[in-house]
PDB file of N, CA and C in Angstrom:
ATOM      1  N   MET A   1     -19.024 -19.631  12.879  1.00  0.00           N
ATOM      2  CA  MET A   1     -20.834 -18.572  12.860  1.00  0.00           C
ATOM      3  C   MET A   1     -21.482 -19.114  13.003  1.00  0.00           C
ATOM      4  N   LYS A   2     -21.068 -21.062  12.386  1.00  0.00           N
ATOM      5  CA  LYS A   2     -22.105 -22.539  12.445  1.00  0.00           C
ATOM      6  C   LYS A   2     -22.899 -22.268  13.882  1.00  0.00           C
ATOM      7  N   VAL A   3     -21.737 -22.372  14.813  1.00  0.00           N
ATOM      8  CA  VAL A   3     -22.341 -22.907  16.106  1.00  0.00           C
ATOM      9  C   VAL A   3     -22.712 -21.894  16.805  1.00  0.00           C
ATOM     10  N   LEU A   4     -22.845 -20.594  16.660  1.00  0.00           N
ATOM     11  CA  LEU A   4     -23.585 -19.552  17.242  1.00  0.00           C
ATOM     12  C   LEU A   4     -24.769 -19.627  16.515  1.00  0.00           C
ATOM     13  N   PHE A   5     -25.295 -20.295  15.191  1.00  0.00           N
ATOM     14  CA  PHE A   5     -26.774 -19.609  14.577  1.00  0.00           C
ATOM     15  C   PHE A   5     -27.523 -21.192  14.508  1.00  0.00           C
ATOM     16  N   GLU A   6     -26.869 -22.466  14.564  1.00  0.00           N
ATOM     17  CA  GLU A   6     -27.663 -23.960  14.767  1.00  0.00           C
ATOM     18  C   GLU A   6     -27.719 -24.406  16.397  1.00  0.00           C
ATOM     19  N   SER A   7     -28.466 -24.478  16.340  1.00  0.00           N
ATOM     20  CA  SER A   7     -28.842 -24.938  17.883  1.00  0.00           C
ATOM     21  C   SER A   7     -28.697 -26.393  17.824  1.00  0.00           C
ATOM     22  N   GLU A   8     -28.333 -27.262  17.012  1.00  0.00           N
ATOM     23  CA  GLU A   8     -28.562 -28.838  16.758  1.00  0.00           C
ATOM     24  C   GLU A   8     -27.018 -29.150  16.684  1.00  0.00           C
ATOM     25  N   ILE A   9     -25.724 -28.399  16.737  1.00  0.00           N
ATOM     26  CA  ILE A   9     -24.352 -28.595  17.197  1.00  0.00           C
ATOM     27  C   ILE A   9     -23.967 -28.958  18.720  1.00  0.00           C
ATOM     28  N   PRO A  10     -23.804 -30.305  19.105  1.00  0.00           N
ATOM     29  CA  PRO A  10     -23.115 -30.864  20.100  1.00  0.00           C
ATOM     30  C   PRO A  10     -22.783 -29.642  21.273  1.00  0.00           C
ATOM     31  N   PHE A  11     -22.854 -29.862  22.099  1.00  0.00           N
ATOM     32  CA  PHE A  11     -21.918 -28.881  23.049  1.00  0.00           C
ATOM     33  C   PHE A  11     -22.515 -27.513  22.932  1.00  0.00           C
ATOM     34  N   ARG A  12     -22.888 -27.104  22.085  1.00  0.00           N
ATOM     35  CA  ARG A  12     -23.307 -25.415  21.502  1.00  0.00           C
ATOM     36  C   ARG A  12     -23.191 -24.822  22.954  1.00  0.00           C
ATOM     37  N   ASN A  13     -23.972 -24.900  23.697  1.00  0.00           N
ATOM     38  CA  ASN A  13     -23.956 -23.879  24.924  1.00  0.00           C
ATOM     39  C   ASN A  13     -22.435 -23.883  25.421  1.00  0.00           C
ATOM     40  N   ASP A  14     -21.938 -24.616  25.552  1.00  0.00           N
ATOM     41  CA  ASP A  14     -20.697 -25.061  26.462  1.00  0.00           C
ATOM     42  C   ASP A  14     -19.247 -23.991  25.815  1.00  0.00           C
ATOM     43  N   ILE A  15     -19.310 -24.512  24.327  1.00  0.00           N
ATOM     44  CA  ILE A  15     -18.699 -23.644  23.529  1.00  0.00           C
ATOM     45  C   ILE A  15     -18.523 -22.142  23.149  1.00  0.00           C
ATOM     46  N   LEU A  16     -19.704 -21.635  23.089  1.00  0.00           N
ATOM     47  CA  LEU A  16     -20.168 -20.567  23.079  1.00  0.00           C
ATOM     48  C   LEU A  16     -19.799 -19.514  24.667  1.00  0.00           C
ATOM     49  N   LEU A  17     -20.156 -20.502  25.210  1.00  0.00           N
ATOM     50  CA  LEU A  17     -19.226 -19.684  26.911  1.00  0.00           C
ATOM     51  C   LEU A  17     -18.236 -19.614  27.191  1.00  0.00           C
ATOM     52  N   SER A  18     -17.391 -21.122  26.130  1.00  0.00           N
ATOM     53  CA  SER A  18     -16.182 -20.754  26.199  1.00  0.00           C
ATOM     54  C   SER A  18     -15.554 -19.496  25.283  1.00  0.00           C
ATOM     55  N   LEU A  19     -15.855 -19.503  24.478  1.00  0.00           N
ATOM     56  CA  LEU A  19     -15.628 -18.557  23.184  1.00  0.00           C
ATOM     57  C   LEU A  19     -15.598 -17.228  24.175  1.00  0.00           C
ATOM     58  N   ARG A  20     -16.840 -17.112  24.299  1.00  0.00           N
ATOM     59  CA  ARG A  20     -17.577 -15.833  25.160  1.00  0.00           C
ATOM     60  C   ARG A  20     -16.448 -15.157  26.345  1.00  0.00           C
ATOM     61  N   LYS A  21     -16.328 -15.977  27.146  1.00  0.00           N
ATOM     62  CA  LYS A  21     -15.625 -15.887  28.340  1.00  0.00           C
ATOM     63  C   LYS A  21     -14.027 -16.063  28.044  1.00  0.00           C
ATOM     64  N   ASN A  22     -13.632 -16.694  27.137  1.00  0.00           N
ATOM     65  CA  ASN A  22     -12.286 -16.372  26.924  1.00  0.00           C
ATOM     66  C   ASN A  22     -11.879 -15.130  25.971  1.00  0.00           C
ATOM     67  N   SER A  23     -12.979 -14.558  25.434  1.00  0.00           N
ATOM     68  CA  SER A  23     -12.932 -13.390  24.654  1.00  0.00           C
ATOM     69  C   SER A  23     -13.040 -12.112  25.869  1.00  0.00           C
ATOM     70  N   LEU A  24     -13.450 -12.159  26.391  1.00  0.00           N
ATOM     71  CA  LEU A  24     -14.045 -11.162  27.828  1.00  0.00           C
ATOM     72  C   LEU A  24     -12.883 -11.144  28.823  1.00  0.00           C
ATOM     73  N   ASP A  25     -11.971 -12.366  28.658  1.00  0.00           N
ATOM     74  CA  ASP A  25     -10.538 -11.916  29.622  1.00  0.00           C
ATOM     75  C   ASP A  25      -9.615 -11.775  28.939  1.00  0.00           C
ATOM     76  N   TYR A  26      -9.386 -11.977  27.661  1.00  0.00           N
ATOM     77  CA  TYR A  26      -8.308 -11.469  27.018  1.00  0.00           C
ATOM     78  C   TYR A  26      -8.682 -10.094  26.491  1.00  0.00           C
ATOM     79  N   ILE A  27      -9.725  -9.158  26.250  1.00  0.00           N
ATOM     80  CA  ILE A  27      -9.822  -8.154  26.673  1.00  0.00           C
ATOM     81  C   ILE A  27      -9.765  -7.596  27.512  1.00  0.00           C
ATOM     82  N   SER A  28     -10.178  -7.671  28.343  1.00  0.00           N
ATOM     83  CA  SER A  28      -9.510  -7.413  30.066  1.00  0.00           C
ATOM     84  C   SER A  28      -8.619  -7.342  30.219  1.00  0.00           C
ATOM     85  N   SER A  29      -7.814  -8.208  29.999  1.00  0.00           N
ATOM     86  CA  SER A  29      -6.158  -8.450  29.983  1.00  0.00           C
ATOM     87  C   SER A  29      -5.579  -7.366  29.540  1.00  0.00           C
ATOM     88  N   LEU A  30      -5.778  -6.821  27.979  1.00  0.00           N
ATOM     89  CA  LEU A  30      -5.265  -5.535  27.384  1.00  0.00           C
ATOM     90  C   LEU A  30      -5.718  -4.405  28.364  1.00  0.00           C
ATOM     91  N   LEU A  31      -7.248  -4.264  28.455  1.00  0.00           N
ATOM     92  CA  LEU A  31      -7.185  -2.893  29.392  1.00  0.00           C
ATOM     93  C   LEU A  31      -6.632  -2.783  30.767  1.00  0.00           C
ATOM     94  N   GLU A  32      -6.765  -3.977  31.329  1.00  0.00           N
ATOM     95  CA  GLU A  32      -6.184  -3.794  32.222  1.00  0.00           C
ATOM     96  C   GLU A  32      -4.548  -3.352  32.235  1.00  0.00           C
ATOM     97  N   THR A  33      -4.020  -3.887  31.179  1.00  0.00           N
ATOM     98  CA  THR A  33      -2.310  -3.147  30.744  1.00  0.00           C
ATOM     99  C   THR A  33      -2.664  -2.091  30.681  1.00  0.00           C
ATOM    100  N   ALA A  34      -3.524  -1.411  29.864  1.00  0.00           N
ATOM    101  CA  ALA A  34      -4.045   0.136  29.185  1.00  0.00           C
ATOM    102  C   ALA A  34      -3.653   0.958  30.001  1.00  0.00           C
ATOM    103  N   LYS A  35      -4.426   0.434  31.238  1.00  0.00           N
ATOM    104  CA  LYS A  35      -4.805   1.451  32.319  1.00  0.00           C
ATOM    105  C   LYS A  35      -3.543   1.512  33.604  1.00  0.00           C
ATOM    106  N   GLU A  36      -2.927   0.673  33.633  1.00  0.00           N
ATOM    107  CA  GLU A  36      -1.507   0.079  34.628  1.00  0.00           C
ATOM    108  C   GLU A  36      -0.503   1.543  34.017  1.00  0.00           C
ATOM    109  N   LYS A  37      -0.777   1.218  32.145  1.00  0.00           N
ATOM    110  CA  LYS A  37       0.192   2.474  31.692  1.00  0.00           C
ATOM    111  C   LYS A  37      -0.157   3.519  31.671  1.00  0.00           C
ATOM    112  N   GLY A  38      -1.545   4.215  32.057  1.00  0.00           N
ATOM    113  CA  GLY A  38      -2.235   5.089  32.046  1.00  0.00           C
ATOM    114  C   GLY A  38      -2.925   5.284  30.809  1.00  0.00           C
ATOM    115  N   GLU A  39      -2.809   4.955  29.343  1.00  0.00           N
ATOM    116  CA  GLU A  39      -3.641   4.509  28.402  1.00  0.00           C
ATOM    117  C   GLU A  39      -4.626   4.925  28.080  1.00  0.00           C
ATOM    118  N   ILE A  40      -5.504   5.159  28.977  1.00  0.00           N
ATOM    119  CA  ILE A  40      -7.267   4.654  28.905  1.00  0.00           C
ATOM    120  C   ILE A  40      -7.159   5.252  30.562  1.00  0.00           C
ATOM    121  N   ARG A  41      -8.989   6.285  30.639  1.00  0.00           N
ATOM    122  CA  ARG A  41      -8.936   7.033  32.321  1.00  0.00           C
ATOM    123  C   ARG A  41      -8.582   5.519  32.947  1.00  0.00           C
ATOM    124  N   ASN A  42      -8.273   6.427  34.434  1.00  0.00           N
ATOM    125  CA  ASN A  42      -8.258   5.304  35.552  1.00  0.00           C
ATOM    126  C   ASN A  42      -9.470   4.946  36.081  1.00  0.00           C
ATOM    127  N   ASP A  43     -10.126   5.656  36.172  1.00  0.00           N
ATOM    128  CA  ASP A  43     -11.879   4.951  36.977  1.00  0.00           C
ATOM    129  C   ASP A  43     -12.422   3.901  35.950  1.00  0.00           C
ATOM    130  N   ILE A  44     -12.024   3.596  34.860  1.00  0.00           N
ATOM    131  CA  ILE A  44     -12.693   2.808  33.961  1.00  0.00           C
ATOM    132  C   ILE A  44     -13.447   1.407  34.456  1.00  0.00           C
ATOM    133  N   ASP A  45     -14.319   1.145  34.124  1.00  0.00           N
ATOM    134  CA  ASP A  45     -14.701   0.112  35.117  1.00  0.00           C
ATOM    135  C   ASP A  45     -14.412  -1.414  33.654  1.00  0.00           C
ATOM    136  N   ILE A  46     -13.286  -1.955  33.804  1.00  0.00           N
ATOM    137  CA  ILE A  46     -13.081  -2.690  32.714  1.00  0.00           C
ATOM    138  C   ILE A  46     -13.588  -4.126  32.725  1.00  0.00           C
ATOM    139  N   ALA A  47     -14.870  -4.305  33.459  1.00  0.00           N
ATOM    140  CA  ALA A  47     -15.485  -5.405  32.688  1.00  0.00           C
ATOM    141  C   ALA A  47     -16.876  -4.982  32.201  1.00  0.00           C
ATOM    142  N   LYS A  48     -17.283  -3.687  31.903  1.00  0.00           N
ATOM    143  CA  LYS A  48     -17.990  -3.082  31.291  1.00  0.00           C
ATOM    144  C   LYS A  48     -17.273  -2.248  30.064  1.00  0.00           C
ATOM    145  N   ALA A  49     -16.300  -2.155  30.573  1.00  0.00           N
ATOM    146  CA  ALA A  49     -15.141  -1.818  28.823  1.00  0.00           C
ATOM    147  C   ALA A  49     -14.963  -2.916  27.771  1.00  0.00           C
ATOM    148  N   SER A  50     -14.695  -4.094  28.839  1.00  0.00           N
ATOM    149  CA  SER A  50     -14.667  -4.861  28.100  1.00  0.00           C
ATOM    150  C   SER A  50     -15.829  -5.531  27.220  1.00  0.00           C
ATOM    151  N   PHE A  51     -17.507  -5.935  27.808  1.00  0.00           N
ATOM    152  CA  PHE A  51     -18.451  -6.381  27.861  1.00  0.00           C
ATOM    153  C   PHE A  51     -18.297  -5.386  26.199  1.00  0.00           C
ATOM    154  N   VAL A  52     -18.044  -3.723  26.261  1.00  0.00           N
ATOM    155  CA  VAL A  52     -19.064  -3.028  25.300  1.00  0.00           C
ATOM    156  C   VAL A  52     -17.451  -3.104  23.525  1.00  0.00           C
ATOM    157  N   VAL A  53     -16.152  -3.402  23.857  1.00  0.00           N
ATOM    158  CA  VAL A  53     -15.502  -3.632  22.756  1.00  0.00           C
ATOM    159  C   VAL A  53     -15.909  -5.046  22.498  1.00  0.00           C
ATOM    160  N   ASP A  54     -15.634  -6.037  23.239  1.00  0.00           N
ATOM    161  CA  ASP A  54     -16.733  -7.356  22.795  1.00  0.00           C
ATOM    162  C   ASP A  54     -17.421  -7.725  22.391  1.00  0.00           C
ATOM    163  N   ALA A  55     -18.520  -6.753  22.358  1.00  0.00           N
ATOM    164  CA  ALA A  55     -20.111  -6.447  21.544  1.00  0.00           C
ATOM    165  C   ALA A  55     -19.819  -5.827  20.298  1.00  0.00           C
ATOM    166  N   ILE A  56     -18.736  -4.657  20.147  1.00  0.00           N
ATOM    167  CA  ILE A  56     -18.419  -4.263  18.705  1.00  0.00           C
ATOM    168  C   ILE A  56     -17.787  -5.191  18.024  1.00  0.00           C
ATOM    169  N   ILE A  57     -16.843  -5.935  18.417  1.00  0.00           N
ATOM    170  CA  ILE A  57     -15.799  -6.387  17.432  1.00  0.00           C
ATOM    171  C   ILE A  57     -16.731  -7.655  17.198  1.00  0.00           C
ATOM    172  N   ASP A  58     -17.633  -8.400  17.940  1.00  0.00           N
ATOM    173  CA  ASP A  58     -18.782  -9.499  17.357  1.00  0.00           C
ATOM    174  C   ASP A  58     -19.496  -9.200  16.857  1.00  0.00           C
ATOM    175  N   ARG A  59     -20.057  -8.251  16.772  1.00  0.00           N
ATOM    176  CA  ARG A  59     -21.254  -7.048  16.076  1.00  0.00           C
ATOM    177  C   ARG A  59     -20.657  -7.260  14.446  1.00  0.00           C
ATOM    178  N   PHE A  60     -18.922  -6.583  14.807  1.00  0.00           N
ATOM    179  CA  PHE A  60     -18.803  -5.718  13.239  1.00  0.00           C
ATOM    180  C   PHE A  60     -18.549  -7.537  12.516  1.00  0.00           C
ATOM    181  N   LEU A  61     -17.970  -8.432  12.707  1.00  0.00           N
ATOM    182  CA  LEU A  61     -17.315  -9.761  12.379  1.00  0.00           C
ATOM    183  C   LEU A  61     -18.901 -10.660  11.670  1.00  0.00           C
ATOM    184  N   GLN A  62     -19.836 -10.386  12.684  1.00  0.00           N
ATOM    185  CA  GLN A  62     -21.110 -11.125  12.300  1.00  0.00           C
ATOM    186  C   GLN A  62     -21.385  -9.910  10.625  1.00  0.00           C
ATOM    187  N   SER A  63     -21.488  -9.031  10.544  1.00  0.00           N
ATOM    188  CA  SER A  63     -21.995  -8.264   9.863  1.00  0.00           C
ATOM    189  C   SER A  63     -21.283  -8.522   8.641  1.00  0.00           C
ATOM    190  N   GLN A  64     -20.286  -8.996   8.851  1.00  0.00           N
ATOM    191  CA  GLN A  64     -19.544  -8.951   7.970  1.00  0.00           C
ATOM    192  C   GLN A  64     -19.256 -10.547   6.967  1.00  0.00           C
ATOM    193  N   THR A  65     -19.768 -10.983   7.911  1.00  0.00           N
ATOM    194  CA  THR A  65     -20.228 -12.392   7.278  1.00  0.00           C
ATOM    195  C   THR A  65     -21.480 -12.972   7.473  1.00  0.00           C
ATOM    196  N   VAL A  66     -22.600 -12.207   7.657  1.00  0.00           N
ATOM    197  CA  VAL A  66     -23.851 -12.895   7.611  1.00  0.00           C
ATOM    198  C   VAL A  66     -24.783 -11.486   7.319  1.00  0.00           C
ATOM    199  N   LEU A  67     -25.532 -11.542   5.873  1.00  0.00           N
ATOM    200  CA  LEU A  67     -26.367 -10.974   4.948  1.00  0.00           C
ATOM    201  C   LEU A  67     -27.011 -10.174   5.326  1.00  0.00           C
ATOM    202  N   HIS A  68     -27.956 -10.967   6.654  1.00  0.00           N
ATOM    203  CA  HIS A  68     -29.180  -9.877   7.472  1.00  0.00           C
ATOM    204  C   HIS A  68     -28.437  -9.499   8.238  1.00  0.00           C
ATOM    205  N   LEU A  69     -27.412  -9.449   9.095  1.00  0.00           N
ATOM    206  CA  LEU A  69     -27.181  -8.604   9.877  1.00  0.00           C
ATOM    207  C   LEU A  69     -26.436  -7.999   9.504  1.00  0.00           C
ATOM    208  N   ASP A  70     -25.874  -7.263   8.263  1.00  0.00           N
ATOM    209  CA  ASP A  70     -25.307  -6.264   7.675  1.00  0.00           C
ATOM    210  C   ASP A  70     -26.171  -5.094   8.057  1.00  0.00           C
ATOM    211  N   ALA A  71     -27.476  -5.593   8.010  1.00  0.00           N
ATOM    212  CA  ALA A  71     -28.833  -4.354   7.530  1.00  0.00           C
ATOM    213  C   ALA A  71     -28.399  -2.836   6.773  1.00  0.00           C
ATOM    214  N   GLY A  72     -27.608  -3.405   5.707  1.00  0.00           N
ATOM    215  CA  GLY A  72     -27.901  -2.242   4.985  1.00  0.00           C
ATOM    216  C   GLY A  72     -26.158  -1.240   5.197  1.00  0.00           C
ATOM    217  N   LEU A  73     -25.760  -1.805   5.774  1.00  0.00           N
ATOM    218  CA  LEU A  73     -24.435  -0.624   6.419  1.00  0.00           C
ATOM    219  C   LEU A  73     -23.363  -0.980   5.445  1.00  0.00           C
ATOM    220  N   GLY A  74     -23.137  -1.960   4.695  1.00  0.00           N
ATOM    221  CA  GLY A  74     -22.175  -2.311   3.696  1.00  0.00           C
ATOM    222  C   GLY A  74     -21.068  -3.125   4.173  1.00  0.00           C
ATOM    223  N   LEU A  75     -21.382  -3.747   5.123  1.00  0.00           N
ATOM    224  CA  LEU A  75     -20.299  -4.236   5.500  1.00  0.00           C
ATOM    225  C   LEU A  75     -20.108  -5.963   5.579  1.00  0.00           C
ATOM    226  N   PHE A  76     -21.350  -6.703   4.427  1.00  0.00           N
ATOM    227  CA  PHE A  76     -21.046  -8.282   4.255  1.00  0.00           C
ATOM    228  C   PHE A  76     -20.572  -7.862   3.111  1.00  0.00           C
ATOM    229  N   LYS A  77     -19.484  -9.128   3.332  1.00  0.00           N
ATOM    230  CA  LYS A  77     -18.359  -9.434   2.098  1.00  0.00           C
ATOM    231  C   LYS A  77     -17.895  -7.832   1.191  1.00  0.00           C
ATOM    232  N   CYS A  78     -17.281  -7.607   2.424  1.00  0.00           N
ATOM    233  CA  CYS A  78     -16.726  -5.757   2.058  1.00  0.00           C
ATOM    234  C   CYS A  78     -15.182  -6.022   1.307  1.00  0.00           C
ATOM    235  N   ARG A  79     -14.660  -4.967   0.704  1.00  0.00           N
ATOM    236  CA  ARG A  79     -13.461  -4.896   0.327  1.00  0.00           C
ATOM    237  C   ARG A  79     -12.735  -4.128   1.547  1.00  0.00           C
ATOM    238  N   GLU A  80     -11.030  -5.021   1.132  1.00  0.00           N
ATOM    239  CA  GLU A  80     -10.442  -4.840   2.467  1.00  0.00           C
ATOM    240  C   GLU A  80      -9.859  -3.092   3.297  1.00  0.00           C
ATOM    241  N   GLU A  81     -10.345  -2.282   1.971  1.00  0.00           N
ATOM    242  CA  GLU A  81     -10.228  -1.043   1.992  1.00  0.00           C
ATOM    243  C   GLU A  81     -11.078  -0.133   2.751  1.00  0.00           C
ATOM    244  N   ASP A  82     -12.133  -0.727   2.738  1.00  0.00           N
ATOM    245  CA  ASP A  82     -13.680  -0.738   3.427  1.00  0.00           C
ATOM    246  C   ASP A  82     -13.597  -1.115   5.202  1.00  0.00           C
ATOM    247  N   ILE A  83     -13.234  -2.015   5.004  1.00  0.00           N
ATOM    248  CA  ILE A  83     -13.025  -2.694   6.566  1.00  0.00           C
ATOM    249  C   ILE A  83     -12.301  -2.003   7.772  1.00  0.00           C
ATOM    250  N   LYS A  84     -11.422  -1.763   6.922  1.00  0.00           N
ATOM    251  CA  LYS A  84      -9.970  -0.461   7.381  1.00  0.00           C
ATOM    252  C   LYS A  84     -10.737   0.626   7.819  1.00  0.00           C
ATOM    253  N   ALA A  85     -11.403   1.269   6.961  1.00  0.00           N
ATOM    254  CA  ALA A  85     -12.637   2.583   7.066  1.00  0.00           C
ATOM    255  C   ALA A  85     -13.011   2.066   8.495  1.00  0.00           C
ATOM    256  N   TRP A  86     -14.209   0.949   8.684  1.00  0.00           N
ATOM    257  CA  TRP A  86     -14.648   0.849   9.442  1.00  0.00           C
ATOM    258  C   TRP A  86     -13.804   0.927  10.978  1.00  0.00           C
ATOM    259  N   ILE A  87     -13.025   0.237  10.952  1.00  0.00           N
ATOM    260  CA  ILE A  87     -12.290  -0.002  11.974  1.00  0.00           C
ATOM    261  C   ILE A  87     -12.034   1.102  12.966  1.00  0.00           C
ATOM    262  N   GLU A  88     -11.470   2.117  11.621  1.00  0.00           N
ATOM    263  CA  GLU A  88     -10.898   3.096  12.332  1.00  0.00           C
ATOM    264  C   GLU A  88     -11.861   4.160  13.043  1.00  0.00           C
ATOM    265  N   GLY A  89     -13.425   3.954  12.208  1.00  0.00           N
ATOM    266  CA  GLY A  89     -14.264   4.556  12.944  1.00  0.00           C
ATOM    267  C   GLY A  89     -14.788   4.132  14.174  1.00  0.00           C
ATOM    268  N   LEU A  90     -14.447   2.686  14.014  1.00  0.00           N
ATOM    269  CA  LEU A  90     -15.347   2.067  15.931  1.00  0.00           C
ATOM    270  C   LEU A  90     -13.810   2.260  16.511  1.00  0.00           C
ATOM    271  N   VAL A  91     -12.861   2.629  16.183  1.00  0.00           N
ATOM    272  CA  VAL A  91     -11.516   2.720  17.197  1.00  0.00           C
ATOM    273  C   VAL A  91     -11.559   4.412  18.049  1.00  0.00           C
ATOM    274  N   ASP A  92     -12.082   4.959  16.938  1.00  0.00           N
ATOM    275  CA  ASP A  92     -12.269   6.048  17.149  1.00  0.00           C
ATOM    276  C   ASP A  92     -13.371   6.603  17.801  1.00  0.00           C
ATOM    277  N   ILE A  93     -14.963   6.066  17.723  1.00  0.00           N
ATOM    278  CA  ILE A  93     -15.660   6.252  18.980  1.00  0.00           C
ATOM    279  C   ILE A  93     -15.352   5.378  20.579  1.00  0.00           C
ATOM    280  N   ILE A  94     -14.714   4.369  20.446  1.00  0.00           N
ATOM    281  CA  ILE A  94     -14.287   3.679  21.699  1.00  0.00           C
ATOM    282  C   ILE A  94     -13.239   4.623  22.043  1.00  0.00           C
ATOM    283  N   ARG A  95     -12.671   5.305  21.602  1.00  0.00           N
ATOM    284  CA  ARG A  95     -11.749   6.355  22.397  1.00  0.00           C
ATOM    285  C   ARG A  95     -12.495   7.289  22.516  1.00  0.00           C
ATOM    286  N   PHE A  96     -13.211   8.160  21.579  1.00  0.00           N
ATOM    287  CA  PHE A  96     -13.423   9.194  22.438  1.00  0.00           C
ATOM    288  C   PHE A  96     -15.330   9.191  22.734  1.00  0.00           C
ATOM    289  N   GLY A  97     -15.593   8.634  22.330  1.00  0.00           N
ATOM    290  CA  GLY A  97     -16.959   8.447  22.675  1.00  0.00           C
ATOM    291  C   GLY A  97     -18.658   8.793  21.827  1.00  0.00           C
ATOM    292  N   ILE A  98     -19.441   9.378  22.123  1.00  0.00           N
ATOM    293  CA  ILE A  98     -20.027   9.770  21.566  1.00  0.00           C
ATOM    294  C   ILE A  98     -20.927  10.824  22.069  1.00  0.00           C
ATOM    295  N   GLY A  99     -20.415  11.272  22.917  1.00  0.00           N
ATOM    296  CA  GLY A  99     -20.760  12.464  24.002  1.00  0.00           C
ATOM    297  C   GLY A  99     -20.062  13.843  23.815  1.00  0.00           C
ATOM    298  N   ARG A 100     -20.594  14.984  24.009  1.00  0.00           N
ATOM    299  CA  ARG A 100     -19.588  16.320  23.664  1.00  0.00           C
ATOM    300  C   ARG A 100     -18.795  16.813  25.084  1.00  0.00           C
ATOM    301  N   GLY A 101     -18.563  15.457  25.938  1.00  0.00           N
ATOM    302  CA  GLY A 101     -17.365  15.830  27.050  1.00  0.00           C
ATOM    303  C   GLY A 101     -18.541  16.156  28.356  1.00  0.00           C
TER     304      GLY A 101
END
């Protein structure tokens, strides 16, 4: 987290770019495998889906570790059972979306 918020760190941009690229590559590979197995929609845009999943993970982790990024959601330094409930809810949203169909 320090690298993300402190601009004075040497090679900060390179580090952040590498982390983000590795994260997207990993998520993309998981989604490609899921697509091949028929576990996700065949018409899904892997790049866009990877971006959404990565963004959710990134924001979730930031909210747990940086008070002002929690925005009153109760994620900052919350209990493990609360984390699990949040993860289940987020996975549900990823799986079923927010629309009515």
